[in-house]
Amino acid sequence: MKRSVTDIKLTVKPVFIGFEHQYYYEGPCRMAGGDAIKPGFDAVVQGKMLKGFLANVEKYVASTGANVLEPAIVRGTDDWDIKDSYFEEMLADDQKTDLYVVMSNFGANQILVEFCCRTSKPVVMNPTKSFGAMSTAPAQRRGADILPAFDWPEVSRYCSILRAEKAVRTANILLAPRFDSTTPKAGGNDSFTCLSDVTRQLGCHFRHVNVHELMDMMNPLPEEGNATTPGRATPNITPEEVARCEEMADEMMASADPCIVDKGFLVKSLVAWTVVQKLMDLYDCSGFTAPCPDACSTRRLNEQQFTFCLAHSLNLEQGFGSACEYDITSVVCMIAEMALSNSAAYMGNTLPVVVTEGRIEWPVNVHEEDVAGISLEDAANMYSVIHSTPCRKLHGLEAAADAYALRHFAYDQGFGAIQRHDFTADAGQKITLCRISPNLDEMLIVSGEIVTGTGFDTDNCNGGFVFKVADTRDLFKKQMRFGLHLPLVYGDIADDLEELAQRLGMEPVRA
């Protein structure tokens, strides 16, 4: 079954480690007097503490959409007993747990340290202003994965970051190469240099289908099988699915403003998307990419009159990573961004606006009539992103669909349905862009703000926008170490991406 980022749930296990004095006595481990140091009093107080702890778990953890398991409760005593039964109770759900949220009491320090070291899963402490560092410091120095939450809202934030990490580490990505399965002849040459390294470090896996076989599947299965796989039963489009594509085309054309594409060409692009979705479902995938230029040069896109552009747009608005030009890096980045932001991602050629020798050099495909009002001074810290794969869920995967237009990619013949988004209407919108380096050692994280859209009324790979950054020259020099496409989402998730990068074993690079 295919898996969107919206399907990813974090599983959280609350753990309460109590500590009870069994006798009445005073001294340097007793910080009260009277009834408070009598046997049984600790149990009463800690019962109230447990109730408050679980209320906060409900408010700050369950509210994130996490699956919260039944709490594990153990109690040490002033006999300083450490029993295997404690850890059996606390670790009973370890295999399915993604995060432990722990509340411990003074005196149970050694139990807590050993628990943190026995599990490989991250542990976040109840963020009260107490003595947590007494246990977290020795545990972390021994290899435990400790998340230092300052307050309960930060516990919620860690849940979001860990959910994004889970989305990346559990992703299967469908690849449709023509030649090399790692990089194409043209396009995403700046993607990962070794997919085995990606699996080792990030955890995601890859599923392959030859792009010729995929394109054969865009017609109902002949009795003798497809040309590339004669005699085999393959998941070709069915007549019923073609009929559904016809219905979808009518629905999309009715809502598009404007609609500058023939229905027949839109249906062919929807057929391509349907086949991609079937293969993603067959191989349990969370993302997809195909090599646009490599596939284009077969002339089969021309003969079958489609492009993959609309497939990427429709995948993205459902929360699946989907990237042009066999850019596997962008697919992984999109999955991370969408899981953190709960908004659809967008990618494109990301290029600087160059102000030099008293003039503005606009990047290719930025239409000068769209940026005529931008001054030399304002242009000094601007960038652009251009591609034909926006979608209708940029403001939120669960939000109402954005307004859109439908146009076509091919200038002469009019095939290759593409969506257009009016980015000018989103002027002032904060955005976050990122890209992982080809060798997985760094993640570039960029904060920006949309200035104006460009190319809305054009065909081919021309739509996009111009955006402000802190320092164009600084970003450009950093980008040269990462690659052309900087996938983005709406909103400011830069700090979360920085923490996620570190958890994935990468050094964050901010711009």
Protein backbone atom coordinates (compact mmCIF):
# COMPACT_ATOMS: atom_id res chain seq x y z
CA MET A 1 0.00 0.00 0.00
CA LYS A 2 1.31 3.45 -0.88
CA ARG A 3 2.07 5.68 2.12
CA SER A 4 1.58 9.44 2.25
CA VAL A 5 3.17 11.56 4.95
CA THR A 6 -0.37 11.92 6.29
CA ASP A 7 -0.33 8.18 7.05
CA ILE A 8 2.74 8.42 9.30
CA LYS A 9 1.88 8.19 12.99
CA LEU A 10 4.33 8.49 15.85
CA THR A 11 3.92 5.87 18.58
CA VAL A 12 4.67 7.24 22.04
CA LYS A 13 5.09 5.32 25.30
CA PRO A 14 4.66 7.24 28.58
CA VAL A 15 6.82 5.93 31.44
CA PHE A 16 6.46 6.92 35.10
CA ILE A 17 9.24 5.94 37.50
CA GLY A 18 8.20 6.49 41.08
CA PHE A 19 10.24 6.32 44.27
CA GLU A 20 8.87 5.58 47.72
CA HIS A 21 10.40 5.71 51.20
CA GLN A 22 9.37 2.70 53.27
CA TYR A 23 10.25 4.06 56.73
CA TYR A 24 10.05 7.20 58.82
CA TYR A 25 13.44 8.85 59.20
CA GLU A 26 15.12 12.21 58.69
CA GLY A 27 18.40 13.13 57.09
CA PRO A 28 19.97 14.45 53.86
CA CYS A 29 17.59 12.52 51.59
CA ARG A 30 14.43 13.82 53.28
CA MET A 31 13.34 17.36 52.43
CA ALA A 32 10.23 17.66 54.59
CA GLY A 33 8.87 16.72 57.98
CA GLY A 34 5.74 15.47 59.72
CA ASP A 35 3.32 13.42 57.65
CA ALA A 36 5.38 14.07 54.51
CA ILE A 37 8.08 11.64 55.64
CA LYS A 38 5.78 8.90 56.88
CA PRO A 39 5.41 5.64 54.90
CA GLY A 40 2.65 5.88 52.28
CA PHE A 41 2.83 9.64 51.79
CA ASP A 42 5.07 9.33 48.69
CA ALA A 43 2.51 7.08 47.02
CA VAL A 44 -0.24 9.67 47.52
CA VAL A 45 1.84 12.57 46.20
CA GLN A 46 3.19 10.61 43.26
CA GLY A 47 -0.30 9.45 42.37
CA LYS A 48 -1.19 13.12 41.86
CA MET A 49 2.04 13.66 39.93
CA LEU A 50 1.21 10.73 37.65
CA LYS A 51 -2.25 12.15 36.98
CA GLY A 52 -0.77 15.54 36.04
CA PHE A 53 1.91 13.90 33.89
CA LEU A 54 -0.62 11.89 31.90
CA ALA A 55 -2.81 14.99 31.48
CA ASN A 56 0.15 16.78 29.88
CA VAL A 57 0.84 13.77 27.66
CA GLU A 58 -2.75 13.98 26.46
CA LYS A 59 -2.55 17.75 25.89
CA TYR A 60 0.86 17.99 24.25
CA VAL A 61 1.49 14.55 22.73
CA ALA A 62 -1.84 12.97 21.83
CA SER A 63 -2.95 16.29 20.32
CA THR A 64 -0.18 16.01 17.70
CA GLY A 65 -1.89 12.93 16.29
CA ALA A 66 0.54 10.53 17.93
CA ASN A 67 -0.58 7.07 18.96
CA VAL A 68 -0.13 7.08 22.75
CA LEU A 69 0.29 3.64 24.34
CA GLU A 70 -0.74 2.63 27.83
CA PRO A 71 1.75 4.04 30.35
CA ALA A 72 4.35 1.88 32.05
CA ILE A 73 4.54 2.52 35.80
CA VAL A 74 7.30 1.23 38.07
CA ARG A 75 8.30 2.26 41.58
CA GLY A 76 11.69 2.01 43.23
CA THR A 77 12.22 2.22 46.98
CA ASP A 78 14.82 3.33 49.47
CA ASP A 79 16.13 -0.23 49.44
CA TRP A 80 17.74 1.00 46.19
CA ASP A 81 16.48 -2.06 44.39
CA ILE A 82 16.91 -2.29 40.62
CA LYS A 83 14.96 -5.23 39.24
CA ASP A 84 14.75 -6.71 35.76
CA SER A 85 10.98 -6.62 36.12
CA TYR A 86 11.15 -2.80 36.03
CA PHE A 87 12.76 -2.84 32.60
CA GLU A 88 10.52 -5.62 31.31
CA GLU A 89 7.55 -3.41 32.17
CA MET A 90 9.01 -0.22 30.72
CA LEU A 91 10.33 -1.88 27.53
CA ALA A 92 7.40 -4.21 26.85
CA ASP A 93 6.38 -2.14 23.80
CA ASP A 94 9.89 -1.16 22.73
CA GLN A 95 9.63 -2.68 19.26
CA LYS A 96 6.66 -0.52 18.28
CA THR A 97 7.60 2.60 20.28
CA ASP A 98 9.08 5.61 18.49
CA LEU A 99 9.45 7.88 21.53
CA TYR A 100 9.41 7.50 25.29
CA VAL A 101 8.07 10.37 27.39
CA VAL A 102 9.37 9.79 30.90
CA MET A 103 8.66 11.24 34.32
CA SER A 104 10.99 10.14 37.08
CA ASN A 105 11.40 11.02 40.75
CA PHE A 106 14.45 11.89 42.79
CA GLY A 107 15.95 8.66 44.11
CA ALA A 108 15.12 6.63 40.99
CA ASN A 109 18.07 8.06 39.06
CA GLN A 110 19.89 4.79 38.44
CA ILE A 111 16.72 3.12 37.21
CA LEU A 112 16.19 5.98 34.76
CA VAL A 113 19.78 5.97 33.48
CA GLU A 114 19.73 2.23 32.88
CA PHE A 115 16.35 2.44 31.16
CA CYS A 116 17.60 5.16 28.78
CA CYS A 117 20.66 3.06 27.94
CA ARG A 118 18.70 -0.16 27.44
CA THR A 119 16.51 1.30 24.69
CA SER A 120 17.75 2.61 21.35
CA LYS A 121 14.67 4.81 21.03
CA PRO A 122 14.68 8.55 21.84
CA VAL A 123 13.68 9.61 25.35
CA VAL A 124 12.22 12.98 26.33
CA MET A 125 11.98 13.87 30.00
CA ASN A 126 9.01 15.46 31.70
CA PRO A 127 10.07 19.11 31.26
CA THR A 128 9.73 20.27 34.85
CA LYS A 129 12.36 22.49 36.39
CA SER A 130 13.82 19.74 38.56
CA PHE A 131 16.89 17.53 38.54
CA GLY A 132 16.57 15.85 35.15
CA ALA A 133 20.14 16.61 34.09
CA MET A 134 21.35 14.37 36.91
CA SER A 135 20.12 11.39 34.88
CA THR A 136 20.14 12.62 31.28
CA ALA A 137 23.81 13.62 31.29
CA PRO A 138 25.25 10.20 32.21
CA ALA A 139 22.71 8.43 29.98
CA GLN A 140 23.48 10.58 26.95
CA ARG A 141 27.24 10.22 27.44
CA ARG A 142 26.74 6.46 27.35
CA GLY A 143 24.94 6.65 24.01
CA ALA A 144 21.30 7.18 24.97
CA ASP A 145 19.17 9.29 22.61
CA ILE A 146 18.02 12.09 24.93
CA LEU A 147 15.82 14.95 23.69
CA PRO A 148 16.21 17.98 25.99
CA ALA A 149 12.70 19.48 26.03
CA PHE A 150 12.62 22.83 27.84
CA ASP A 151 8.84 22.88 28.20
CA TRP A 152 5.80 20.88 27.15
CA PRO A 153 5.30 22.75 23.84
CA GLU A 154 8.81 21.62 22.94
CA VAL A 155 7.74 18.03 23.62
CA SER A 156 5.07 18.61 20.94
CA ARG A 157 7.76 19.97 18.63
CA TYR A 158 9.93 16.91 19.17
CA CYS A 159 6.95 14.73 18.27
CA SER A 160 6.71 16.59 14.95
CA ILE A 161 10.44 16.23 14.26
CA LEU A 162 10.44 12.53 15.11
CA ARG A 163 7.39 11.97 12.92
CA ALA A 164 9.27 13.56 10.01
CA GLU A 165 12.28 11.38 10.78
CA LYS A 166 10.03 8.32 10.74
CA ALA A 167 8.55 9.43 7.40
CA VAL A 168 12.04 9.57 5.89
CA ARG A 169 13.41 6.41 7.49
CA THR A 170 10.41 4.27 6.50
CA ALA A 171 9.99 5.62 2.96
CA ASN A 172 10.18 3.47 -0.14
CA ILE A 173 10.73 5.57 -3.25
CA LEU A 174 9.64 4.42 -6.71
CA LEU A 175 12.34 5.08 -9.32
CA ALA A 176 11.71 4.76 -13.07
CA PRO A 177 15.18 4.97 -14.68
CA ARG A 178 16.05 4.55 -18.32
CA PHE A 179 19.79 4.08 -17.84
CA ASP A 180 21.65 4.31 -14.53
CA SER A 181 19.44 3.78 -11.49
CA THR A 182 21.40 6.33 -9.40
CA THR A 183 21.63 9.39 -11.64
CA PRO A 184 20.22 10.22 -15.08
CA LYS A 185 22.08 11.28 -18.19
CA ALA A 186 20.58 14.76 -17.83
CA GLY A 187 18.62 16.46 -15.08
CA GLY A 188 19.19 15.26 -11.54
CA ASN A 189 22.93 14.73 -11.88
CA ASP A 190 23.37 16.53 -8.54
CA SER A 191 21.33 13.93 -6.67
CA PHE A 192 22.74 11.32 -4.26
CA THR A 193 25.96 9.69 -5.44
CA CYS A 194 25.22 6.31 -3.81
CA LEU A 195 21.76 4.95 -3.01
CA SER A 196 23.19 2.27 -0.72
CA ASP A 197 24.63 5.06 1.42
CA VAL A 198 21.20 6.70 1.50
CA THR A 199 19.65 3.50 2.82
CA ARG A 200 22.40 3.02 5.40
CA GLN A 201 22.22 6.58 6.73
CA LEU A 202 18.61 7.64 6.21
CA GLY A 203 16.85 4.28 6.20
CA CYS A 204 14.72 4.83 3.09
CA HIS A 205 14.68 2.17 0.38
CA PHE A 206 14.20 2.24 -3.38
CA ARG A 207 11.94 0.30 -5.72
CA HIS A 208 12.65 0.25 -9.45
CA VAL A 209 10.61 -0.07 -12.61
CA ASN A 210 12.10 0.57 -16.04
CA VAL A 211 10.61 3.70 -17.57
CA HIS A 212 9.81 1.82 -20.81
CA GLU A 213 7.83 -0.77 -18.87
CA LEU A 214 6.01 2.03 -17.04
CA MET A 215 5.06 3.73 -20.30
CA ASP A 216 3.84 0.41 -21.74
CA MET A 217 1.47 0.16 -18.77
CA MET A 218 -0.29 3.34 -19.89
CA ASN A 219 -2.40 1.26 -22.29
CA PRO A 220 -4.74 -1.59 -21.35
CA LEU A 221 -2.89 -4.90 -21.22
CA PRO A 222 -2.87 -6.68 -24.62
CA GLU A 223 -3.64 -10.39 -24.64
CA GLU A 224 -0.03 -11.16 -25.52
CA GLY A 225 1.37 -8.81 -22.86
CA ASN A 226 3.32 -5.57 -23.23
CA ALA A 227 6.11 -5.22 -25.78
CA THR A 228 8.74 -4.92 -23.04
CA THR A 229 7.35 -7.84 -21.02
CA PRO A 230 5.64 -10.23 -23.48
CA GLY A 231 3.42 -12.84 -21.90
CA ARG A 232 3.57 -11.32 -18.43
CA ALA A 233 0.65 -10.00 -16.41
CA THR A 234 1.48 -6.38 -15.52
CA PRO A 235 -0.46 -3.62 -13.70
CA ASN A 236 -1.54 -1.77 -16.84
CA ILE A 237 -4.24 0.87 -16.82
CA THR A 238 -7.69 -0.70 -17.10
CA PRO A 239 -10.64 0.54 -19.16
CA GLU A 240 -12.43 1.35 -15.90
CA GLU A 241 -9.48 3.46 -14.75
CA VAL A 242 -9.37 5.27 -18.08
CA ALA A 243 -13.04 6.11 -17.60
CA ARG A 244 -12.24 7.50 -14.15
CA CYS A 245 -9.48 9.63 -15.72
CA GLU A 246 -12.10 11.02 -18.11
CA GLU A 247 -14.28 11.97 -15.13
CA MET A 248 -11.33 13.55 -13.31
CA ALA A 249 -10.48 15.56 -16.40
CA ASP A 250 -14.01 16.99 -16.51
CA GLU A 251 -13.82 17.88 -12.80
CA MET A 252 -10.41 19.53 -13.09
CA MET A 253 -11.28 21.47 -16.23
CA ALA A 254 -14.49 22.77 -14.65
CA SER A 255 -12.58 24.23 -11.69
CA ALA A 256 -9.49 25.52 -13.52
CA ASP A 257 -9.23 29.24 -14.27
CA PRO A 258 -8.17 29.45 -16.98
CA CYS A 259 -8.12 26.03 -18.63
CA ILE A 260 -5.77 26.04 -21.61
CA VAL A 261 -5.42 22.32 -22.37
CA ASP A 262 -7.47 19.90 -24.43
CA LYS A 263 -9.33 17.23 -22.49
CA GLY A 264 -7.70 14.42 -24.45
CA PHE A 265 -4.22 15.56 -23.42
CA LEU A 266 -5.31 16.03 -19.81
CA VAL A 267 -6.65 12.47 -19.77
CA LYS A 268 -3.33 11.12 -21.02
CA SER A 269 -1.48 12.89 -18.21
CA LEU A 270 -4.01 11.52 -15.72
CA VAL A 271 -3.45 8.03 -17.10
CA ALA A 272 0.28 8.43 -16.43
CA TRP A 273 -0.46 9.51 -12.85
CA THR A 274 -2.81 6.57 -12.34
CA VAL A 275 -0.15 4.09 -13.47
CA VAL A 276 2.41 5.73 -11.18
CA GLN A 277 -0.05 5.49 -8.29
CA LYS A 278 -0.71 1.80 -9.01
CA LEU A 279 3.01 1.04 -8.97
CA MET A 280 3.52 3.05 -5.79
CA ASP A 281 0.70 1.07 -4.22
CA LEU A 282 2.14 -2.23 -5.44
CA TYR A 283 5.57 -1.49 -3.96
CA ASP A 284 4.43 0.32 -0.77
CA CYS A 285 5.98 3.62 -1.84
CA SER A 286 5.95 7.13 -0.40
CA GLY A 287 7.53 8.93 -3.35
CA PHE A 288 8.33 8.84 -7.06
CA THR A 289 10.67 10.25 -9.64
CA ALA A 290 11.38 9.66 -13.33
CA PRO A 291 14.09 11.04 -15.64
CA CYS A 292 12.36 13.71 -17.74
CA PRO A 293 15.14 14.38 -20.31
CA ASP A 294 16.21 10.72 -20.55
CA ALA A 295 12.60 9.65 -21.14
CA CYS A 296 11.96 12.56 -23.50
CA SER A 297 14.77 11.51 -25.82
CA THR A 298 13.12 8.12 -26.39
CA ARG A 299 10.43 10.10 -28.25
CA ARG A 300 7.82 8.06 -26.41
CA LEU A 301 6.53 11.06 -24.46
CA ASN A 302 5.97 12.74 -27.82
CA GLU A 303 4.30 9.64 -29.26
CA GLN A 304 2.10 9.00 -26.22
CA GLN A 305 1.54 12.75 -25.75
CA PHE A 306 2.06 13.18 -22.02
CA THR A 307 4.58 14.41 -19.46
CA PHE A 308 5.00 13.45 -15.79
CA CYS A 309 4.40 17.04 -14.59
CA LEU A 310 0.79 16.57 -13.54
CA ALA A 311 1.61 13.24 -11.88
CA HIS A 312 4.07 15.07 -9.63
CA SER A 313 1.55 17.80 -8.79
CA LEU A 314 -1.18 15.32 -7.91
CA ASN A 315 1.22 13.18 -5.88
CA LEU A 316 2.40 16.19 -3.90
CA GLU A 317 -1.07 17.40 -3.00
CA GLN A 318 -1.71 13.96 -1.50
CA GLY A 319 1.48 14.08 0.57
CA PHE A 320 3.72 11.90 -1.60
CA GLY A 321 7.23 13.10 -2.44
CA SER A 322 7.41 13.49 -6.22
CA ALA A 323 10.24 15.13 -8.12
CA CYS A 324 11.15 16.02 -11.67
CA GLU A 325 14.30 14.95 -13.53
CA TYR A 326 15.07 11.83 -11.46
CA ASP A 327 16.05 14.07 -8.56
CA ILE A 328 15.93 11.49 -5.78
CA THR A 329 17.36 13.99 -3.30
CA SER A 330 14.36 16.26 -3.82
CA VAL A 331 11.95 13.39 -3.15
CA VAL A 332 13.54 12.74 0.25
CA CYS A 333 13.63 16.46 1.10
CA MET A 334 9.97 16.85 0.15
CA ILE A 335 8.92 13.96 2.39
CA ALA A 336 10.73 15.58 5.32
CA GLU A 337 9.33 19.06 4.60
CA MET A 338 5.75 17.88 4.14
CA ALA A 339 5.83 15.80 7.32
CA LEU A 340 7.04 18.83 9.30
CA SER A 341 4.75 21.43 7.74
CA ASN A 342 1.67 19.38 6.81
CA SER A 343 1.70 21.32 3.54
CA ALA A 344 2.45 20.18 0.00
CA ALA A 345 5.94 20.82 -1.31
CA TYR A 346 7.03 22.53 -4.53
CA MET A 347 10.35 22.28 -6.35
CA GLY A 348 12.03 23.98 -9.24
CA ASN A 349 15.19 25.35 -10.73
CA THR A 350 16.42 27.64 -7.95
CA LEU A 351 18.58 30.46 -9.27
CA PRO A 352 19.91 33.79 -7.99
CA VAL A 353 18.83 37.19 -9.21
CA VAL A 354 22.20 38.73 -10.05
CA VAL A 355 22.68 42.45 -9.54
CA THR A 356 25.97 43.40 -11.18
CA GLU A 357 27.50 46.45 -12.82
CA GLY A 358 24.40 48.53 -12.18
CA ARG A 359 21.88 46.17 -13.78
CA ILE A 360 19.65 43.21 -12.87
CA GLU A 361 20.27 39.88 -14.59
CA TRP A 362 17.04 37.93 -14.15
CA PRO A 363 17.29 34.13 -14.23
CA VAL A 364 16.07 32.24 -17.27
CA ASN A 365 12.26 31.88 -17.39
CA VAL A 366 11.63 34.85 -15.10
CA HIS A 367 9.45 37.06 -17.28
CA GLU A 368 10.58 40.64 -17.00
CA GLU A 369 7.06 42.04 -17.28
CA ASP A 370 6.27 40.21 -14.03
CA VAL A 371 9.16 41.87 -12.17
CA ALA A 372 9.19 45.29 -13.83
CA GLY A 373 8.44 47.11 -10.56
CA ILE A 374 11.37 45.64 -8.61
CA SER A 375 14.18 48.13 -8.02
CA LEU A 376 17.89 47.48 -8.32
CA GLU A 377 18.25 47.81 -4.56
CA ASP A 378 15.41 45.40 -3.77
CA ALA A 379 16.61 42.84 -6.32
CA ALA A 380 19.99 42.59 -4.59
CA ASN A 381 18.79 39.86 -2.23
CA MET A 382 16.39 37.90 -4.39
CA TYR A 383 16.23 34.41 -5.83
CA SER A 384 13.82 32.58 -8.13
CA VAL A 385 12.30 29.11 -8.35
CA ILE A 386 10.73 27.92 -11.61
CA HIS A 387 9.02 24.63 -12.56
CA SER A 388 5.68 23.39 -13.83
CA THR A 389 4.75 21.25 -10.81
CA PRO A 390 2.86 23.44 -8.32
CA CYS A 391 -0.22 21.90 -6.74
CA ARG A 392 -3.44 22.87 -5.00
CA LYS A 393 -2.37 22.13 -1.42
CA LEU A 394 0.52 24.54 -0.84
CA HIS A 395 -1.34 26.09 2.09
CA GLY A 396 -1.97 22.77 3.81
CA LEU A 397 -2.59 19.14 2.93
CA GLU A 398 -5.84 19.28 4.88
CA ALA A 399 -6.78 22.82 3.78
CA ALA A 400 -9.19 23.75 1.01
CA ALA A 401 -7.71 23.43 -2.46
CA ASP A 402 -6.00 26.53 -3.86
CA ALA A 403 -7.22 28.17 -7.05
CA TYR A 404 -5.35 26.88 -10.09
CA ALA A 405 -5.06 27.03 -13.85
CA LEU A 406 -4.43 24.23 -16.34
CA ARG A 407 -2.06 24.71 -19.25
CA HIS A 408 0.16 22.44 -21.36
CA PHE A 409 3.86 21.69 -21.58
CA ALA A 410 4.38 21.15 -25.33
CA TYR A 411 4.25 24.46 -27.20
CA ASP A 412 3.36 23.11 -30.65
CA GLN A 413 1.19 20.05 -30.01
CA GLY A 414 -0.36 21.13 -26.70
CA PHE A 415 0.17 17.91 -24.74
CA GLY A 416 1.49 17.48 -21.21
CA ALA A 417 -1.07 18.92 -18.78
CA ILE A 418 0.42 21.20 -16.10
CA GLN A 419 -1.02 23.14 -13.19
CA ARG A 420 -0.37 26.81 -12.57
CA HIS A 421 -0.56 28.58 -9.20
CA ASP A 422 -0.83 32.37 -8.85
CA PHE A 423 2.17 32.93 -6.59
CA THR A 424 1.67 36.70 -6.80
CA ALA A 425 -1.39 36.23 -4.58
CA ASP A 426 0.96 34.73 -1.97
CA ALA A 427 3.33 37.70 -1.80
CA GLY A 428 4.71 37.99 1.73
CA GLN A 429 4.38 34.25 2.40
CA LYS A 430 7.30 32.83 4.40
CA ILE A 431 8.88 29.75 2.84
CA THR A 432 11.54 27.23 3.81
CA LEU A 433 13.74 25.46 1.27
CA CYS A 434 16.22 22.64 1.79
CA ARG A 435 18.52 20.21 0.01
CA ILE A 436 20.73 17.35 1.18
CA SER A 437 24.26 17.24 -0.21
CA PRO A 438 25.07 14.44 -2.70
CA ASN A 439 27.25 12.62 -0.15
CA LEU A 440 24.78 13.07 2.74
CA ASP A 441 27.11 15.05 5.01
CA GLU A 442 25.14 18.33 5.05
CA MET A 443 21.66 19.79 4.64
CA LEU A 444 21.21 23.29 3.22
CA ILE A 445 18.29 25.09 4.91
CA VAL A 446 17.06 28.39 3.48
CA SER A 447 14.49 30.88 4.77
CA GLY A 448 12.74 33.15 2.29
CA GLU A 449 9.67 35.24 1.51
CA ILE A 450 7.69 35.31 -1.74
CA VAL A 451 7.86 38.62 -3.61
CA THR A 452 5.93 37.95 -6.82
CA GLY A 453 4.90 35.17 -9.15
CA THR A 454 6.02 34.78 -12.73
CA GLY A 455 4.94 32.79 -15.77
CA PHE A 456 1.34 32.13 -14.73
CA ASP A 457 0.06 32.76 -18.27
CA THR A 458 2.76 30.76 -20.04
CA ASP A 459 3.14 27.14 -21.11
CA ASN A 460 6.04 24.70 -20.72
CA CYS A 461 8.27 24.75 -17.60
CA ASN A 462 7.86 28.45 -16.86
CA GLY A 463 5.74 29.03 -13.75
CA GLY A 464 7.18 30.01 -10.38
CA PHE A 465 8.09 32.99 -8.26
CA VAL A 466 10.77 35.39 -7.07
CA PHE A 467 11.58 35.42 -3.35
CA LYS A 468 13.68 37.35 -0.86
CA VAL A 469 16.57 35.79 1.03
CA ALA A 470 18.95 37.13 3.67
CA ASP A 471 21.99 37.24 1.37
CA THR A 472 21.86 36.15 -2.28
CA ARG A 473 25.62 35.86 -2.72
CA ASP A 474 25.99 33.79 0.46
CA LEU A 475 23.17 31.44 -0.56
CA PHE A 476 24.56 31.05 -4.08
CA LYS A 477 28.01 30.06 -2.85
CA LYS A 478 26.50 27.53 -0.44
CA GLN A 479 24.06 26.20 -3.03
CA MET A 480 26.92 25.37 -5.38
CA ARG A 481 27.83 22.56 -2.95
CA PHE A 482 24.29 21.12 -2.91
CA GLY A 483 22.51 21.29 -6.25
CA LEU A 484 20.02 23.12 -8.45
CA HIS A 485 16.62 22.17 -7.03
CA LEU A 486 15.78 23.44 -3.54
CA PRO A 487 12.41 21.89 -2.62
CA LEU A 488 10.26 24.14 -0.47
CA VAL A 489 7.13 24.40 1.64
CA TYR A 490 5.15 27.34 2.91
CA GLY A 491 5.90 28.35 6.49
CA ASP A 492 8.97 28.65 8.70
CA ILE A 493 10.25 25.17 9.56
CA ALA A 494 13.96 26.04 9.39
CA ASP A 495 14.70 25.30 13.06
CA ASP A 496 12.87 21.98 12.87
CA LEU A 497 14.77 21.02 9.72
CA GLU A 498 18.02 21.85 11.49
CA GLU A 499 17.21 19.43 14.31
CA LEU A 500 16.02 16.81 11.84
CA ALA A 501 19.24 17.12 9.84
CA GLN A 502 21.27 16.46 12.97
CA ARG A 503 19.17 13.43 13.83
CA LEU A 504 19.77 12.11 10.31
CA GLY A 505 23.52 12.48 10.71
CA MET A 506 23.97 15.68 8.70
CA GLU A 507 25.46 19.06 9.48
CA PRO A 508 22.88 21.83 8.93
CA VAL A 509 23.96 24.76 6.77
CA ARG A 510 21.72 27.82 7.15
CA ALA A 511 21.20 30.59 4.62
